[in-house]
Amino acid sequence: MHHAKGIIMTQFSWPWTCTNVGDGGTDSYSLDVIEMTNRLTANNAPTTDGVIYWVDTTVLPFTGFVNASDGLLEPTNPAGSTVRIASGVGHVKGWMYANDDDVDFDISADLGNANATDIIVLQKNRTNQQVRIARIKGDAGTTATVTQNATVWEVKLAEVALTAGGDFSSLTDTRERVKTSDAGIVLLETLSPAGVATITSSQIPPLFTDLLVVTRAQQNGNAAYYLHMRMNSVVTNYRNHYIKLNNTTVTGNSYIAAVSILAGPVGSDFNGLENYSSSEIKIFDYARLRSATDESVPCHIKGGGDTVPSNPMHINGRAAAPLVAGDNVDTLTFLMSTSETVIAAANFVSGDQIEIYGIW
């Protein structure tokens, strides 16, 4: 946008039509204006973050697409030497990107260098005025790197390890979700488990920092029930420690090599009243685990009432091996039990609900 010479701008607003009125200027918007506008409003870490969390099944308008763009640009190896990037929406240093279909790279048809690691990127080219998914080849025995300069800007989606013959060996998901300067929370899934003893969520992408699980559960009758949780269907070597307040009595307990993480007691039908208990489970740093120790996936849980709406609990639980470094927590399974320390199955009842949120 062009403004009259000699005017010192101390305040400025945009975008406006270019009618030489107010801040409107006399010319069209430059690429610099568009880039900075989008960077200010959308992406706080443009060197690493490129995937927008977009799961709306509506076809994007004005794109000419015929399918939804709700695949989160997930990299997979569907068969053989094919590396596939799913549909999705991205953001590359001020420019938006979207696709509505898989983008495939056949490594065997275009071999790389011996024992190299190629990368799959979102590539912005200001000269060509395009953002596209691209494969960048690494030199023999080395890992390719992204280019980030005034003309070309790349954000990595995946790493592709190659064999000595330059063919496909393995795939690593390196996506990072676009994060603004403000913290945020996104509802990933709502589970309604009435009539079953267990229910599993498999809708957990590795695109957030932490997970938050909010549960609401109730049981008929005056028996004690407990909600348990497992990660990735692992059934051994969890660690639980809790402190429970029962009216004026404080009790504590801990047990090692448990079959699950205790998520708290569940309220019962007390004097004919539906007494729902709530738990909030915070799962820290669940994606691409940085450690292979028993301490790798810590949880903090605030649990609700027991047979009467007292007995709040504060629980620290940890998932242990076989969760290993580099893994994601891909699934969460919730189990209703009549026991605090083992799984003695009991069904969830009507109205029970579990919500899973992603936090950045």
Protein backbone atom coordinates (compact mmCIF):
# COMPACT_ATOMS: atom_id res chain seq x y z
CA MET A 1 0.00 0.00 0.00
CA HIS A 2 1.32 3.47 -0.88
CA HIS A 3 0.92 6.53 1.33
CA ALA A 4 1.71 10.18 0.72
CA LYS A 5 5.39 11.05 1.12
CA GLY A 6 6.41 12.95 4.23
CA ILE A 7 3.67 11.49 6.42
CA ILE A 8 5.05 9.79 9.52
CA MET A 9 2.73 6.99 10.52
CA THR A 10 2.44 6.35 14.25
CA GLN A 11 -0.86 4.47 14.02
CA PHE A 12 -2.06 2.24 11.23
CA SER A 13 -4.95 -0.13 10.57
CA TRP A 14 -5.61 -2.63 7.79
CA PRO A 15 -7.03 -4.11 5.56
CA TRP A 16 -9.07 -1.44 3.82
CA THR A 17 -10.02 -0.91 0.18
CA CYS A 18 -7.39 1.06 -1.75
CA THR A 19 -9.41 4.26 -2.25
CA ASN A 20 -6.94 6.74 -0.72
CA VAL A 21 -9.33 7.24 2.18
CA GLY A 22 -7.91 6.99 5.70
CA ASP A 23 -5.41 4.13 5.88
CA GLY A 24 -6.66 2.74 2.57
CA GLY A 25 -3.73 3.92 0.46
CA THR A 26 -3.58 4.12 -3.31
CA ASP A 27 -2.34 0.69 -4.39
CA SER A 28 -3.06 -2.99 -3.86
CA TYR A 29 -1.75 -4.92 -0.87
CA SER A 30 1.82 -6.11 -1.11
CA LEU A 31 2.89 -9.64 -0.28
CA ASP A 32 4.69 -8.26 2.79
CA VAL A 33 1.41 -6.85 4.12
CA ILE A 34 -0.40 -10.16 3.56
CA GLU A 35 2.39 -12.20 5.16
CA MET A 36 2.68 -10.05 8.27
CA THR A 37 -1.09 -9.85 8.69
CA ASN A 38 -1.40 -13.61 8.71
CA ARG A 39 1.63 -14.11 10.95
CA LEU A 40 0.32 -11.66 13.52
CA THR A 41 -3.07 -13.36 13.69
CA ALA A 42 -2.28 -17.02 13.24
CA ASN A 43 1.17 -18.54 13.86
CA ASN A 44 3.45 -17.85 16.78
CA ALA A 45 6.26 -20.26 15.71
CA PRO A 46 6.59 -20.22 11.89
CA THR A 47 9.96 -22.02 11.84
CA THR A 48 8.47 -25.31 13.09
CA ASP A 49 4.66 -25.14 13.12
CA GLY A 50 2.60 -25.68 10.00
CA VAL A 51 -0.51 -27.82 10.60
CA ILE A 52 -3.82 -26.18 11.48
CA TYR A 53 -6.13 -28.30 13.60
CA TRP A 54 -9.06 -28.40 11.18
CA VAL A 55 -11.48 -31.35 11.25
CA ASP A 56 -14.55 -29.66 9.75
CA THR A 57 -16.03 -31.88 7.03
CA THR A 58 -17.32 -28.91 5.03
CA VAL A 59 -15.65 -28.49 1.63
CA LEU A 60 -13.60 -25.29 1.70
CA PRO A 61 -15.20 -22.57 -0.46
CA PHE A 62 -13.34 -20.71 -3.25
CA THR A 63 -10.75 -23.51 -3.59
CA GLY A 64 -12.37 -25.64 -6.28
CA PHE A 65 -12.16 -28.65 -3.94
CA VAL A 66 -14.68 -31.49 -4.00
CA ASN A 67 -13.64 -33.19 -0.72
CA ALA A 68 -13.18 -32.05 2.86
CA SER A 69 -9.72 -31.04 4.13
CA ASP A 70 -9.95 -32.78 7.49
CA GLY A 71 -7.02 -35.23 7.48
CA LEU A 72 -4.63 -33.00 9.49
CA LEU A 73 -1.86 -33.55 6.88
CA GLU A 74 -1.06 -36.84 8.61
CA PRO A 75 1.94 -38.75 7.17
CA THR A 76 1.53 -42.51 6.77
CA ASN A 77 3.07 -45.45 4.92
CA PRO A 78 -0.01 -47.19 3.42
CA ALA A 79 1.98 -49.84 1.56
CA GLY A 80 5.40 -50.63 0.15
CA SER A 81 7.56 -47.58 -0.42
CA THR A 82 4.72 -45.05 -0.54
CA VAL A 83 4.73 -42.05 1.78
CA ARG A 84 1.31 -40.46 1.97
CA ILE A 85 0.29 -37.06 3.29
CA ALA A 86 -3.41 -36.81 4.03
CA SER A 87 -5.68 -33.88 3.28
CA GLY A 88 -5.54 -30.94 5.62
CA VAL A 89 -5.02 -27.24 6.21
CA GLY A 90 -1.67 -25.60 6.89
CA HIS A 91 -0.03 -22.27 7.53
CA VAL A 92 3.45 -21.41 6.23
CA LYS A 93 4.89 -18.13 7.51
CA GLY A 94 1.84 -16.05 6.65
CA TRP A 95 0.39 -18.12 3.81
CA MET A 96 -2.50 -20.52 4.04
CA TYR A 97 -2.45 -23.99 2.43
CA ALA A 98 -5.11 -26.64 1.97
CA ASN A 99 -5.59 -29.88 0.05
CA ASP A 100 -8.59 -32.19 -0.23
CA ASP A 101 -6.91 -35.47 -1.18
CA ASP A 102 -3.89 -37.64 -0.42
CA VAL A 103 -0.50 -36.58 -1.76
CA ASP A 104 1.70 -39.64 -2.40
CA PHE A 105 5.46 -39.99 -2.87
CA ASP A 106 6.68 -43.32 -4.31
CA ILE A 107 10.21 -43.55 -2.96
CA SER A 108 11.04 -46.66 -5.02
CA ALA A 109 10.27 -44.75 -8.24
CA ASP A 110 12.55 -41.87 -7.23
CA LEU A 111 15.28 -43.35 -5.05
CA GLY A 112 17.16 -41.17 -2.62
CA ASN A 113 20.73 -41.35 -1.40
CA ALA A 114 22.22 -44.20 0.61
CA ASN A 115 21.15 -44.23 4.26
CA ALA A 116 19.86 -40.69 3.98
CA THR A 117 16.83 -39.21 5.69
CA ASP A 118 14.58 -37.25 3.37
CA ILE A 119 11.98 -34.82 4.67
CA ILE A 120 8.45 -34.02 3.54
CA VAL A 121 7.63 -30.34 3.90
CA LEU A 122 5.08 -27.65 3.28
CA GLN A 123 7.00 -25.38 0.90
CA LYS A 124 6.10 -21.75 0.29
CA ASN A 125 7.60 -20.09 -2.80
CA ARG A 126 6.95 -16.36 -3.10
CA THR A 127 8.25 -16.23 -6.67
CA ASN A 128 5.81 -18.92 -7.81
CA GLN A 129 3.15 -17.67 -5.37
CA GLN A 130 2.35 -21.20 -4.23
CA VAL A 131 2.49 -23.44 -1.18
CA ARG A 132 2.86 -27.13 -1.98
CA ILE A 133 3.85 -30.39 -0.29
CA ALA A 134 7.37 -31.34 -1.37
CA ARG A 135 10.02 -34.00 -0.75
CA ILE A 136 13.52 -32.75 0.08
CA LYS A 137 16.29 -35.31 -0.39
CA GLY A 138 19.10 -35.69 2.11
CA ASP A 139 22.71 -36.37 1.20
CA ALA A 140 24.08 -39.86 1.80
CA GLY A 141 24.09 -40.65 5.51
CA THR A 142 22.61 -37.30 6.51
CA THR A 143 19.21 -35.75 7.18
CA ALA A 144 17.83 -33.12 4.83
CA THR A 145 17.16 -29.69 6.30
CA VAL A 146 14.46 -27.11 5.64
CA THR A 147 15.11 -23.95 3.63
CA GLN A 148 13.87 -20.75 5.26
CA ASN A 149 14.69 -17.49 3.50
CA ALA A 150 12.95 -14.50 1.94
CA THR A 151 11.86 -16.48 -1.13
CA VAL A 152 11.38 -20.09 0.04
CA TRP A 153 10.08 -21.15 3.42
CA GLU A 154 9.66 -24.80 4.41
CA VAL A 155 8.04 -26.41 7.44
CA LYS A 156 8.64 -30.12 8.08
CA LEU A 157 5.79 -32.66 8.16
CA ALA A 158 7.72 -35.95 8.21
CA GLU A 159 11.11 -37.62 8.05
CA VAL A 160 11.68 -40.59 5.73
CA ALA A 161 14.63 -42.85 6.57
CA LEU A 162 16.12 -44.63 3.56
CA THR A 163 17.97 -47.90 3.06
CA ALA A 164 21.48 -48.33 1.71
CA GLY A 165 19.82 -48.56 -1.71
CA GLY A 166 17.97 -45.27 -1.21
CA ASP A 167 14.55 -46.91 -0.84
CA PHE A 168 12.00 -46.47 1.92
CA SER A 169 12.89 -47.78 5.38
CA SER A 170 10.75 -45.98 7.98
CA LEU A 171 8.59 -42.89 8.52
CA THR A 172 8.51 -40.42 11.42
CA ASP A 173 5.67 -37.99 11.97
CA THR A 174 7.17 -34.56 12.75
CA ARG A 175 4.08 -32.37 12.40
CA GLU A 176 3.64 -29.44 14.76
CA ARG A 177 0.28 -27.77 15.16
CA VAL A 178 0.01 -24.04 14.52
CA LYS A 179 -0.17 -22.25 17.87
CA THR A 180 -1.09 -18.63 18.43
CA SER A 181 0.47 -16.53 21.17
CA ASP A 182 -2.47 -17.34 23.45
CA ALA A 183 -3.00 -20.71 25.10
CA GLY A 184 -6.02 -22.64 23.93
CA ILE A 185 -8.07 -25.79 24.28
CA VAL A 186 -9.91 -27.88 21.66
CA LEU A 187 -12.55 -30.57 22.25
CA LEU A 188 -11.30 -33.72 20.50
CA GLU A 189 -14.02 -36.23 21.34
CA THR A 190 -17.05 -36.86 23.54
CA LEU A 191 -17.73 -40.43 24.67
CA SER A 192 -21.10 -41.69 25.92
CA PRO A 193 -20.38 -45.16 27.34
CA ALA A 194 -23.78 -46.15 28.79
CA GLY A 195 -24.29 -49.92 28.99
CA VAL A 196 -20.65 -50.96 28.49
CA ALA A 197 -17.84 -51.64 30.93
CA THR A 198 -15.06 -50.14 28.79
CA ILE A 199 -14.83 -47.51 26.06
CA THR A 200 -11.83 -46.34 24.03
CA SER A 201 -10.99 -43.04 22.35
CA SER A 202 -8.83 -43.30 19.24
CA GLN A 203 -9.21 -39.66 18.13
CA ILE A 204 -6.01 -38.28 19.67
CA PRO A 205 -3.63 -36.59 17.21
CA PRO A 206 -0.06 -35.80 18.33
CA LEU A 207 -0.61 -32.09 17.74
CA PHE A 208 -1.07 -30.69 21.24
CA THR A 209 1.04 -30.24 24.37
CA ASP A 210 -1.20 -31.83 27.00
CA LEU A 211 -4.51 -33.65 27.22
CA LEU A 212 -7.39 -32.90 29.57
CA VAL A 213 -10.03 -35.55 30.28
CA VAL A 214 -13.25 -34.46 32.00
CA THR A 215 -15.49 -37.29 33.20
CA ARG A 216 -19.00 -37.43 34.65
CA ALA A 217 -20.16 -40.76 35.97
CA GLN A 218 -22.81 -42.16 38.30
CA GLN A 219 -23.85 -45.61 39.51
CA ASN A 220 -27.16 -46.96 40.76
CA GLY A 221 -27.28 -48.32 44.28
CA ASN A 222 -25.04 -47.69 47.24
CA ALA A 223 -22.00 -49.70 46.19
CA ALA A 224 -18.56 -48.18 45.63
CA TYR A 225 -17.41 -47.86 42.02
CA TYR A 226 -14.22 -46.54 40.49
CA LEU A 227 -13.23 -45.15 37.11
CA HIS A 228 -9.92 -46.36 35.65
CA MET A 229 -7.92 -45.31 32.59
CA ARG A 230 -5.36 -47.03 30.35
CA MET A 231 -3.02 -45.63 27.68
CA ASN A 232 -2.44 -47.45 24.38
CA SER A 233 -4.15 -50.57 25.80
CA VAL A 234 -1.22 -51.16 28.16
CA VAL A 235 -2.37 -53.37 31.06
CA THR A 236 0.62 -53.44 33.44
CA ASN A 237 3.06 -51.30 35.41
CA TYR A 238 1.09 -48.16 36.12
CA ARG A 239 1.86 -46.22 39.28
CA ASN A 240 -0.81 -44.53 41.39
CA HIS A 241 -0.54 -42.42 44.53
CA TYR A 242 -3.50 -40.68 46.09
CA ILE A 243 -4.74 -38.64 49.03
CA LYS A 244 -8.45 -38.88 49.88
CA LEU A 245 -10.53 -36.73 52.20
CA ASN A 246 -13.47 -38.55 53.78
CA ASN A 247 -15.35 -35.99 55.87
CA THR A 248 -12.69 -35.20 58.50
CA THR A 249 -10.41 -38.16 57.80
CA VAL A 250 -7.47 -37.93 55.41
CA THR A 251 -6.21 -41.21 53.97
CA GLY A 252 -3.45 -41.99 51.51
CA ASN A 253 -2.46 -44.96 49.44
CA SER A 254 -0.04 -46.02 46.75
CA TYR A 255 0.41 -49.15 44.73
CA ILE A 256 2.98 -50.16 42.15
CA ALA A 257 2.60 -52.40 39.06
CA ALA A 258 -1.10 -51.56 38.85
CA VAL A 259 -3.23 -52.54 35.86
CA SER A 260 -4.46 -49.00 35.18
CA ILE A 261 -4.44 -45.41 36.38
CA LEU A 262 -7.13 -44.78 38.97
CA ALA A 263 -9.24 -41.82 37.82
CA GLY A 264 -11.29 -41.56 40.98
CA PRO A 265 -14.38 -42.85 42.79
CA VAL A 266 -17.78 -42.68 41.13
CA GLY A 267 -20.90 -41.38 42.84
CA SER A 268 -23.83 -43.65 43.57
CA ASP A 269 -27.56 -43.19 43.83
CA PHE A 270 -27.71 -41.65 47.31
CA ASN A 271 -31.13 -41.56 48.94
CA GLY A 272 -32.78 -41.83 45.53
CA LEU A 273 -30.85 -38.86 44.11
CA GLU A 274 -28.58 -39.11 41.08
CA ASN A 275 -25.15 -38.20 42.37
CA TYR A 276 -22.77 -37.66 39.47
CA SER A 277 -19.07 -37.49 40.23
CA SER A 278 -16.63 -35.57 38.08
CA SER A 279 -12.93 -36.09 37.54
CA GLU A 280 -10.42 -33.91 35.71
CA ILE A 281 -7.41 -35.80 34.41
CA LYS A 282 -4.46 -33.75 33.13
CA ILE A 283 -2.07 -35.81 30.98
CA PHE A 284 1.19 -33.96 30.46
CA ASP A 285 3.38 -34.02 27.34
CA TYR A 286 1.65 -37.04 25.80
CA ALA A 287 3.02 -36.76 22.23
CA ARG A 288 6.37 -38.11 21.05
CA LEU A 289 7.43 -39.05 24.57
CA ARG A 290 10.83 -37.69 25.53
CA SER A 291 11.67 -40.48 27.96
CA ALA A 292 11.42 -44.26 28.11
CA THR A 293 11.26 -44.37 31.91
CA ASP A 294 8.30 -45.24 34.10
CA GLU A 295 7.86 -41.52 34.66
CA SER A 296 7.24 -40.82 30.97
CA VAL A 297 3.52 -39.94 31.03
CA PRO A 298 2.57 -38.21 34.28
CA CYS A 299 -1.07 -37.51 35.13
CA HIS A 300 -2.67 -35.39 37.79
CA ILE A 301 -6.26 -36.21 38.68
CA LYS A 302 -8.87 -34.42 40.76
CA GLY A 303 -11.55 -36.99 41.56
CA GLY A 304 -15.09 -36.51 42.78
CA GLY A 305 -17.38 -38.12 45.35
CA ASP A 306 -17.94 -41.67 46.53
CA THR A 307 -21.28 -42.99 47.87
CA VAL A 308 -21.98 -39.49 49.15
CA PRO A 309 -20.71 -36.32 47.50
CA SER A 310 -17.65 -36.05 49.71
CA ASN A 311 -14.44 -38.04 49.43
CA PRO A 312 -12.58 -35.82 46.94
CA MET A 313 -9.31 -37.32 45.76
CA HIS A 314 -6.06 -35.94 44.43
CA ILE A 315 -4.24 -38.60 42.45
CA ASN A 316 -0.88 -38.75 40.74
CA GLY A 317 -0.64 -41.55 38.19
CA ARG A 318 2.08 -42.53 35.78
CA ALA A 319 2.12 -44.84 32.79
CA ALA A 320 5.10 -47.15 32.61
CA ALA A 321 6.75 -49.42 30.06
CA PRO A 322 6.03 -50.57 27.38
CA LEU A 323 5.38 -46.91 26.52
CA VAL A 324 8.76 -45.91 25.09
CA ALA A 325 10.54 -42.80 23.92
CA GLY A 326 9.22 -41.57 20.60
CA ASP A 327 5.77 -43.09 21.09
CA ASN A 328 2.54 -41.12 21.18
CA VAL A 329 -0.37 -41.74 23.49
CA ASP A 330 -2.71 -42.74 20.65
CA THR A 331 -5.61 -44.24 22.59
CA LEU A 332 -7.23 -43.80 26.00
CA THR A 333 -9.42 -46.57 27.40
CA PHE A 334 -11.81 -45.94 30.31
CA LEU A 335 -13.02 -48.78 32.51
CA MET A 336 -15.71 -48.90 35.18
CA SER A 337 -14.82 -51.16 38.09
CA THR A 338 -16.14 -52.19 41.50
CA SER A 339 -12.54 -52.22 42.77
CA GLU A 340 -10.05 -49.49 43.47
CA THR A 341 -6.96 -51.54 42.62
CA VAL A 342 -8.04 -54.14 40.03
CA ILE A 343 -10.50 -54.22 37.15
CA ALA A 344 -13.76 -55.87 38.23
CA ALA A 345 -16.02 -54.84 35.41
CA ALA A 346 -19.21 -52.84 35.96
CA ASN A 347 -21.17 -51.04 33.26
CA PHE A 348 -21.35 -47.32 32.80
CA VAL A 349 -24.92 -46.02 33.13
CA SER A 350 -27.11 -43.64 31.14
CA GLY A 351 -25.88 -40.07 31.31
CA ASP A 352 -22.22 -40.93 31.88
CA GLN A 353 -19.93 -38.84 29.68
CA ILE A 354 -16.23 -38.46 28.99
CA GLU A 355 -14.79 -35.43 27.17
CA ILE A 356 -11.22 -35.33 25.84
CA TYR A 357 -9.56 -31.99 25.11
CA GLY A 358 -6.24 -31.05 23.51
CA ILE A 359 -4.30 -28.21 25.16
CA TRP A 360 -1.49 -26.10 23.79
